[in-house]
Amino acid sequence: MTDRIEIRGLRVHGRHGVLATERVAGQLFVADVTVHLDTSAAAASDELADTVDYAAVAGRVAAVLGGEPVALLETLAERIAGVVLEDERILEVEVTVHKPQAPVGVSVADVLVSLRRSRR
């Protein structure tokens, strides 16, 4: 059994996409991240050093969202999972990347890709 920390609705302007116009103008990207870990040491000590600092996780995710452009949401989600799993206390991560302004040719509320990665 694992505990979890969730970050929802992290919003960053990025330049990801297949179309050249997406790379130039950019658009809003939103990420939801859930990290699975054991929080019992932190609960006992009440010390930030004994858990995963969600502000640090959010900063790493934001850096990927606003960083080097990629064509696919799948690639973006995979990169986010990779930077989150750099913290060895995290056993598993779930990532959802939303592209609410995706140019799909019809009206949609959102386009998203979700994945789950673990160190197992």
Protein backbone atom coordinates (compact mmCIF):
# COMPACT_ATOMS: atom_id res chain seq x y z
CA MET A 1 0.00 0.00 0.00
CA THR A 2 1.23 3.50 -0.81
CA ASP A 3 0.19 6.98 0.07
CA ARG A 4 -0.07 9.71 -2.50
CA ILE A 5 0.51 13.38 -3.08
CA GLU A 6 -1.47 15.02 -5.87
CA ILE A 7 -0.83 18.19 -7.81
CA ARG A 8 -3.80 19.23 -9.95
CA GLY A 9 -4.16 21.92 -12.56
CA LEU A 10 -0.55 23.07 -12.86
CA ARG A 11 -0.73 25.61 -15.72
CA VAL A 12 2.20 26.63 -17.92
CA HIS A 13 2.53 28.26 -21.34
CA GLY A 14 4.43 25.90 -23.63
CA ARG A 15 5.36 25.53 -27.28
CA HIS A 16 4.57 21.86 -27.86
CA GLY A 17 2.75 20.48 -30.86
CA VAL A 18 3.00 19.07 -34.35
CA LEU A 19 2.05 22.31 -36.12
CA ALA A 20 4.63 25.04 -36.70
CA THR A 21 2.18 27.65 -35.42
CA GLU A 22 2.00 25.84 -32.08
CA ARG A 23 5.78 26.06 -31.77
CA VAL A 24 5.78 29.80 -32.48
CA ALA A 25 2.80 31.14 -30.53
CA GLY A 26 2.57 28.43 -27.90
CA GLN A 27 -0.48 27.74 -25.76
CA LEU A 28 -1.63 26.70 -22.32
CA PHE A 29 -0.74 23.24 -21.05
CA VAL A 30 -2.12 21.83 -17.81
CA ALA A 31 -0.68 18.91 -15.83
CA ASP A 32 -2.06 16.71 -13.09
CA VAL A 33 0.52 14.63 -11.23
CA THR A 34 0.00 11.98 -8.57
CA VAL A 35 3.04 10.56 -6.80
CA HIS A 36 2.80 7.34 -4.83
CA LEU A 37 5.10 7.01 -1.84
CA ASP A 38 5.26 6.04 1.82
CA THR A 39 4.52 9.10 3.97
CA SER A 40 4.71 7.36 7.36
CA ALA A 41 8.17 8.75 8.24
CA ALA A 42 7.03 12.30 7.51
CA ALA A 43 3.81 11.82 9.47
CA ALA A 44 5.83 10.63 12.47
CA SER A 45 8.51 13.34 12.32
CA ASP A 46 6.46 16.25 10.91
CA GLU A 47 9.59 17.18 8.92
CA LEU A 48 9.58 18.17 5.24
CA ALA A 49 12.90 16.37 4.78
CA ASP A 50 11.10 13.07 5.40
CA THR A 51 8.71 13.40 2.47
CA VAL A 52 8.59 14.58 -1.12
CA ASP A 53 8.41 18.36 -1.35
CA TYR A 54 5.43 18.96 -3.64
CA ALA A 55 6.63 22.48 -4.41
CA ALA A 56 9.85 21.01 -5.82
CA VAL A 57 7.87 18.44 -7.83
CA ALA A 58 5.65 21.20 -9.21
CA GLY A 59 8.72 23.21 -10.19
CA ARG A 60 10.23 20.28 -12.10
CA VAL A 61 6.94 19.60 -13.88
CA ALA A 62 6.56 23.28 -14.80
CA ALA A 63 10.09 23.33 -16.21
CA VAL A 64 9.22 20.45 -18.55
CA LEU A 65 5.90 22.00 -19.61
CA GLY A 66 7.55 25.32 -20.37
CA GLY A 67 10.78 23.83 -21.66
CA GLU A 68 12.08 22.21 -24.82
CA PRO A 69 9.22 21.73 -27.30
CA VAL A 70 8.09 18.25 -28.32
CA ALA A 71 5.57 17.23 -30.95
CA LEU A 72 3.40 14.82 -28.94
CA LEU A 73 1.59 14.95 -25.61
CA GLU A 74 2.76 11.37 -25.10
CA THR A 75 6.38 12.53 -25.19
CA LEU A 76 5.63 15.44 -22.87
CA ALA A 77 3.91 13.18 -20.32
CA GLU A 78 6.80 10.69 -20.47
CA ARG A 79 9.34 13.46 -19.81
CA ILE A 80 7.34 14.66 -16.84
CA ALA A 81 7.17 11.14 -15.42
CA GLY A 82 10.93 10.81 -15.83
CA VAL A 83 11.77 13.97 -13.89
CA VAL A 84 9.31 13.10 -11.14
CA LEU A 85 10.76 9.59 -10.72
CA GLU A 86 14.24 11.06 -10.20
CA ASP A 87 13.27 11.25 -6.51
CA GLU A 88 13.91 7.69 -5.31
CA ARG A 89 11.25 7.96 -2.59
CA ILE A 90 8.58 8.06 -5.30
CA LEU A 91 7.45 4.54 -6.13
CA GLU A 92 5.06 5.40 -8.93
CA VAL A 93 3.75 8.46 -10.77
CA GLU A 94 0.58 9.16 -12.71
CA VAL A 95 0.73 12.05 -15.18
CA THR A 96 -2.06 13.66 -17.17
CA VAL A 97 -1.20 16.42 -19.64
CA HIS A 98 -4.09 18.55 -20.87
CA LYS A 99 -4.04 20.64 -24.04
CA PRO A 100 -7.31 22.58 -23.80
CA GLN A 101 -6.62 24.72 -26.88
CA ALA A 102 -5.55 21.84 -29.12
CA PRO A 103 -6.20 22.61 -32.79
CA VAL A 104 -8.33 19.58 -33.68
CA GLY A 105 -10.70 21.19 -36.16
CA VAL A 106 -13.82 20.85 -34.01
CA SER A 107 -14.89 22.28 -30.68
CA VAL A 108 -13.58 20.27 -27.73
CA ALA A 109 -13.30 21.09 -24.05
CA ASP A 110 -9.94 19.36 -23.67
CA VAL A 111 -7.50 16.90 -25.16
CA LEU A 112 -5.35 14.91 -22.75
CA VAL A 113 -2.91 12.05 -22.43
CA SER A 114 -2.51 10.08 -19.20
CA LEU A 115 0.14 7.57 -18.20
CA ARG A 116 1.43 5.73 -15.17
CA ARG A 117 5.07 4.83 -14.62
CA SER A 118 6.80 3.05 -11.75
CA ARG A 119 10.27 1.99 -10.83
CA ARG A 120 9.18 -1.67 -10.62
